[in-house]
N, C-alpha and C. Protein backbone atom coordinates (compact mmCIF):
# COMPACT_ATOMS: atom_id res chain seq x y z
N UNK A 1 18.89 44.91 135.12
CA UNK A 1 19.48 44.53 136.81
C UNK A 1 19.52 45.82 137.79
N UNK A 2 19.01 45.62 138.64
CA UNK A 2 19.64 46.19 139.48
C UNK A 2 20.79 46.05 140.58
N UNK A 3 21.04 47.12 141.31
CA UNK A 3 22.23 46.70 141.80
C UNK A 3 22.29 47.29 143.14
N UNK A 4 23.08 47.42 144.09
CA UNK A 4 23.17 48.24 145.28
C UNK A 4 23.86 48.31 145.96
N UNK A 5 24.41 49.90 146.47
CA UNK A 5 25.67 50.08 146.50
C UNK A 5 26.66 49.02 147.43
N UNK A 6 27.92 49.25 147.79
CA UNK A 6 28.09 47.95 148.83
C UNK A 6 28.24 48.49 150.40
N UNK A 7 28.05 47.93 151.12
CA UNK A 7 27.79 48.44 152.21
C UNK A 7 29.28 48.19 152.72
N UNK A 8 29.49 48.62 154.38
CA UNK A 8 30.63 48.66 154.99
C UNK A 8 31.21 47.51 155.31
N UNK A 9 32.47 46.54 155.12
CA UNK A 9 32.58 45.94 155.80
C UNK A 9 33.57 45.94 156.73
N UNK A 10 33.06 45.37 158.59
CA UNK A 10 33.53 45.54 159.38
C UNK A 10 34.88 44.65 158.97
N UNK A 11 35.86 44.61 160.51
CA UNK A 11 36.84 43.66 160.17
C UNK A 11 36.27 41.90 160.86
N UNK A 12 36.92 41.77 160.17
CA UNK A 12 36.83 39.83 160.27
C UNK A 12 35.26 39.57 159.36
N UNK A 13 34.93 39.76 158.59
CA UNK A 13 33.32 39.85 157.58
C UNK A 13 34.02 39.56 156.63
N UNK A 14 33.48 38.66 155.76
CA UNK A 14 34.29 37.57 154.42
C UNK A 14 33.52 39.17 153.47
N UNK A 15 35.18 39.57 152.85
CA UNK A 15 35.03 40.20 151.53
C UNK A 15 34.73 39.45 150.32
N UNK A 16 34.20 38.53 150.29
CA UNK A 16 34.11 37.79 148.94
C UNK A 16 32.46 37.33 149.22
N UNK A 17 31.94 37.22 147.70
CA UNK A 17 30.43 36.34 148.45
C UNK A 17 29.84 35.18 148.97
N UNK A 18 29.63 34.62 149.60
CA UNK A 18 29.24 32.81 149.90
C UNK A 18 27.66 33.11 149.70
N UNK A 19 26.91 32.38 148.96
CA UNK A 19 25.93 32.42 148.71
C UNK A 19 25.32 31.66 149.67
N UNK A 20 26.26 30.75 150.46
CA UNK A 20 25.13 28.95 151.06
C UNK A 20 24.40 30.07 152.06
N UNK A 21 25.15 30.29 152.76
CA UNK A 21 23.72 31.41 154.06
C UNK A 21 23.17 32.21 153.65
N UNK A 22 23.42 31.81 152.22
CA UNK A 22 21.52 32.73 152.19
C UNK A 22 20.73 31.66 151.23
N UNK A 23 20.89 30.83 151.55
CA UNK A 23 20.44 29.43 150.69
C UNK A 23 18.79 29.28 150.98
N UNK A 24 18.44 29.34 152.98
CA UNK A 24 17.64 29.12 152.89
C UNK A 24 16.09 30.08 152.45
N UNK A 25 16.72 31.34 151.60
CA UNK A 25 15.73 32.54 151.19
C UNK A 25 15.15 31.82 150.24
N UNK A 26 15.63 30.87 149.11
CA UNK A 26 15.11 29.96 147.98
C UNK A 26 13.73 29.98 147.76
N UNK A 27 13.42 29.99 147.09
CA UNK A 27 11.85 29.86 147.45
C UNK A 27 10.95 31.11 147.66
N UNK A 28 11.57 32.20 148.54
CA UNK A 28 10.79 32.77 148.85
C UNK A 28 10.26 33.84 148.17
N UNK A 29 9.07 34.72 148.63
CA UNK A 29 9.20 35.76 147.38
C UNK A 29 9.91 37.28 147.86
N UNK A 30 10.22 37.87 146.54
CA UNK A 30 11.24 38.83 146.85
C UNK A 30 10.06 39.91 147.02
N UNK A 31 11.74 40.85 147.89
CA UNK A 31 11.43 42.34 148.15
C UNK A 31 12.74 42.77 148.78
N UNK A 32 12.60 44.40 148.98
CA UNK A 32 13.47 44.97 149.17
C UNK A 32 14.30 44.24 150.58
N UNK A 33 13.37 44.05 151.75
CA UNK A 33 14.53 43.20 153.40
C UNK A 33 14.45 41.55 152.38
N UNK A 34 13.89 41.02 151.79
CA UNK A 34 14.81 39.88 151.44
C UNK A 34 15.58 40.15 151.06
N UNK A 35 16.23 41.34 149.98
CA UNK A 35 17.61 41.65 148.94
C UNK A 35 18.40 42.12 150.03
N UNK A 36 17.78 43.05 150.95
CA UNK A 36 18.70 42.67 152.73
C UNK A 36 19.65 42.21 153.21
N UNK A 37 18.38 40.73 153.27
CA UNK A 37 18.42 40.26 153.78
C UNK A 37 19.96 39.31 153.83
N UNK A 38 19.89 38.74 152.08
CA UNK A 38 20.55 38.25 151.71
C UNK A 38 21.42 38.82 151.57
N UNK A 39 21.84 39.99 150.79
CA UNK A 39 22.98 40.87 151.27
C UNK A 39 24.01 40.47 152.59
N UNK A 40 23.34 40.88 153.87
CA UNK A 40 23.84 40.50 154.82
C UNK A 40 24.65 39.08 155.18
N UNK A 41 23.51 38.03 155.16
CA UNK A 41 23.98 36.63 154.69
C UNK A 41 25.19 36.64 153.77
N UNK A 42 24.92 36.49 152.74
CA UNK A 42 26.21 36.21 151.70
C UNK A 42 27.77 37.22 151.88
N UNK A 43 27.21 38.32 152.84
CA UNK A 43 28.59 39.02 152.51
C UNK A 43 28.84 40.17 151.19
N UNK A 44 27.80 39.77 150.22
CA UNK A 44 27.91 40.42 149.29
C UNK A 44 28.42 42.02 149.40
N UNK A 45 29.02 42.79 148.46
CA UNK A 45 29.62 43.79 148.29
C UNK A 45 28.08 44.76 147.58
N UNK A 46 27.79 43.53 146.65
CA UNK A 46 26.64 44.53 145.95
C UNK A 46 25.96 43.28 145.78
N UNK A 47 24.36 43.26 144.89
CA UNK A 47 23.19 42.20 145.10
C UNK A 47 22.87 42.70 143.78
N UNK A 48 22.80 41.74 142.76
CA UNK A 48 22.33 41.94 141.30
C UNK A 48 20.80 41.44 140.61
N UNK A 49 19.55 41.85 141.45
CA UNK A 49 18.35 40.62 140.91
C UNK A 49 18.22 40.38 139.30
N UNK A 50 17.76 39.85 138.94
CA UNK A 50 17.90 39.20 137.61
C UNK A 50 16.29 38.41 137.86
N UNK A 51 15.90 38.82 136.36
CA UNK A 51 14.04 38.49 136.07
C UNK A 51 14.45 37.93 135.16
N UNK A 52 12.88 36.76 135.13
CA UNK A 52 13.06 35.63 134.31
C UNK A 52 13.47 36.37 132.31
N UNK A 53 14.19 35.97 131.70
CA UNK A 53 13.75 36.56 130.41
C UNK A 53 15.04 38.10 129.96
N UNK A 54 15.15 38.50 131.16
CA UNK A 54 15.80 39.99 131.27
C UNK A 54 17.71 39.38 130.93
N UNK A 55 17.81 40.92 130.28
CA UNK A 55 20.11 40.18 129.68
C UNK A 55 20.85 41.16 130.45
N UNK A 56 21.70 40.25 131.29
CA UNK A 56 22.30 40.69 131.28
C UNK A 56 23.60 40.32 131.74
N UNK A 57 24.62 41.16 131.89
CA UNK A 57 26.32 41.40 131.33
C UNK A 57 26.65 39.88 131.85
N UNK A 58 27.85 39.18 131.70
CA UNK A 58 28.68 38.07 131.76
C UNK A 58 29.40 38.41 132.64
N UNK A 59 30.00 39.66 133.64
CA UNK A 59 31.39 40.02 133.82
C UNK A 59 30.91 38.82 135.16
N UNK A 60 32.28 38.45 135.33
CA UNK A 60 31.97 38.26 137.41
C UNK A 60 32.93 39.18 138.32
N UNK A 61 32.30 38.60 138.95
CA UNK A 61 32.72 39.69 140.36
C UNK A 61 32.38 38.52 141.48
N UNK A 62 33.32 38.48 142.49
CA UNK A 62 33.89 37.87 143.27
C UNK A 62 32.39 38.43 144.15
N UNK A 63 32.43 39.41 144.34
CA UNK A 63 32.01 40.65 145.64
C UNK A 63 30.76 40.98 145.42
N UNK A 64 29.66 40.11 144.25
CA UNK A 64 28.44 40.18 143.93
C UNK A 64 27.24 38.67 143.76
N UNK A 65 26.27 39.80 144.98
CA UNK A 65 25.83 38.24 145.18
C UNK A 65 23.99 38.65 143.93
N UNK A 66 24.01 37.36 143.25
CA UNK A 66 23.02 37.24 142.01
C UNK A 66 22.29 36.71 142.52
N UNK A 67 20.46 37.73 142.67
CA UNK A 67 19.42 36.90 143.08
C UNK A 67 18.75 36.82 141.67
N UNK A 68 18.40 35.20 141.34
CA UNK A 68 17.15 35.05 139.88
C UNK A 68 16.48 34.60 140.22
N UNK A 69 15.28 35.36 139.89
CA UNK A 69 13.73 35.75 140.48
C UNK A 69 13.00 34.83 139.10
N UNK A 70 12.03 34.15 139.63
CA UNK A 70 10.88 33.05 139.45
C UNK A 70 9.68 34.05 138.40
N UNK A 71 9.34 33.48 137.33
CA UNK A 71 8.25 34.33 136.92
C UNK A 71 7.06 35.19 137.70
N UNK A 72 7.35 34.34 139.04
CA UNK A 72 6.00 34.57 140.42
C UNK A 72 6.73 35.78 141.54
N UNK A 73 8.23 36.19 140.96
CA UNK A 73 8.85 37.09 141.91
C UNK A 73 9.19 36.07 143.41
N UNK A 74 9.46 35.37 143.21
CA UNK A 74 10.22 34.61 144.08
C UNK A 74 11.56 33.73 143.69
N UNK A 75 12.03 34.09 144.71
CA UNK A 75 14.01 33.76 145.04
C UNK A 75 13.71 32.24 143.80
N UNK A 76 14.55 32.26 142.84
CA UNK A 76 14.63 30.57 141.89
C UNK A 76 15.86 30.01 142.34
N UNK A 77 17.08 31.26 142.85
CA UNK A 77 18.49 31.07 142.62
C UNK A 77 19.51 31.81 143.08
N UNK A 78 20.14 31.77 143.89
CA UNK A 78 20.82 32.94 144.66
C UNK A 78 22.53 32.18 144.26
N UNK A 79 22.98 33.22 143.77
CA UNK A 79 25.21 32.59 143.32
C UNK A 79 25.99 33.75 143.26
N UNK A 80 26.78 33.84 143.17
CA UNK A 80 27.58 34.49 143.53
C UNK A 80 28.70 34.58 142.70
N UNK A 81 28.81 35.80 141.83
CA UNK A 81 29.50 36.21 140.39
C UNK A 81 29.08 37.41 140.21
């Protein structure tokens, strides 16, 4: 799993992740730019990228966006936690 550091949260911005605003990225090819865009849209403090078959911890963080990829490195699912 790849995690990026927490961005500085400006006053008035959400402090918890909200995956809905990033939903339009589903089906798009994954790259660093898309990861940054998803993080910005969701307001997440951290991002975890999950590839098919990759083991991940079951810990829950309301501040993290999980980007699940398919075998072709396209965004299959975006969820907070």
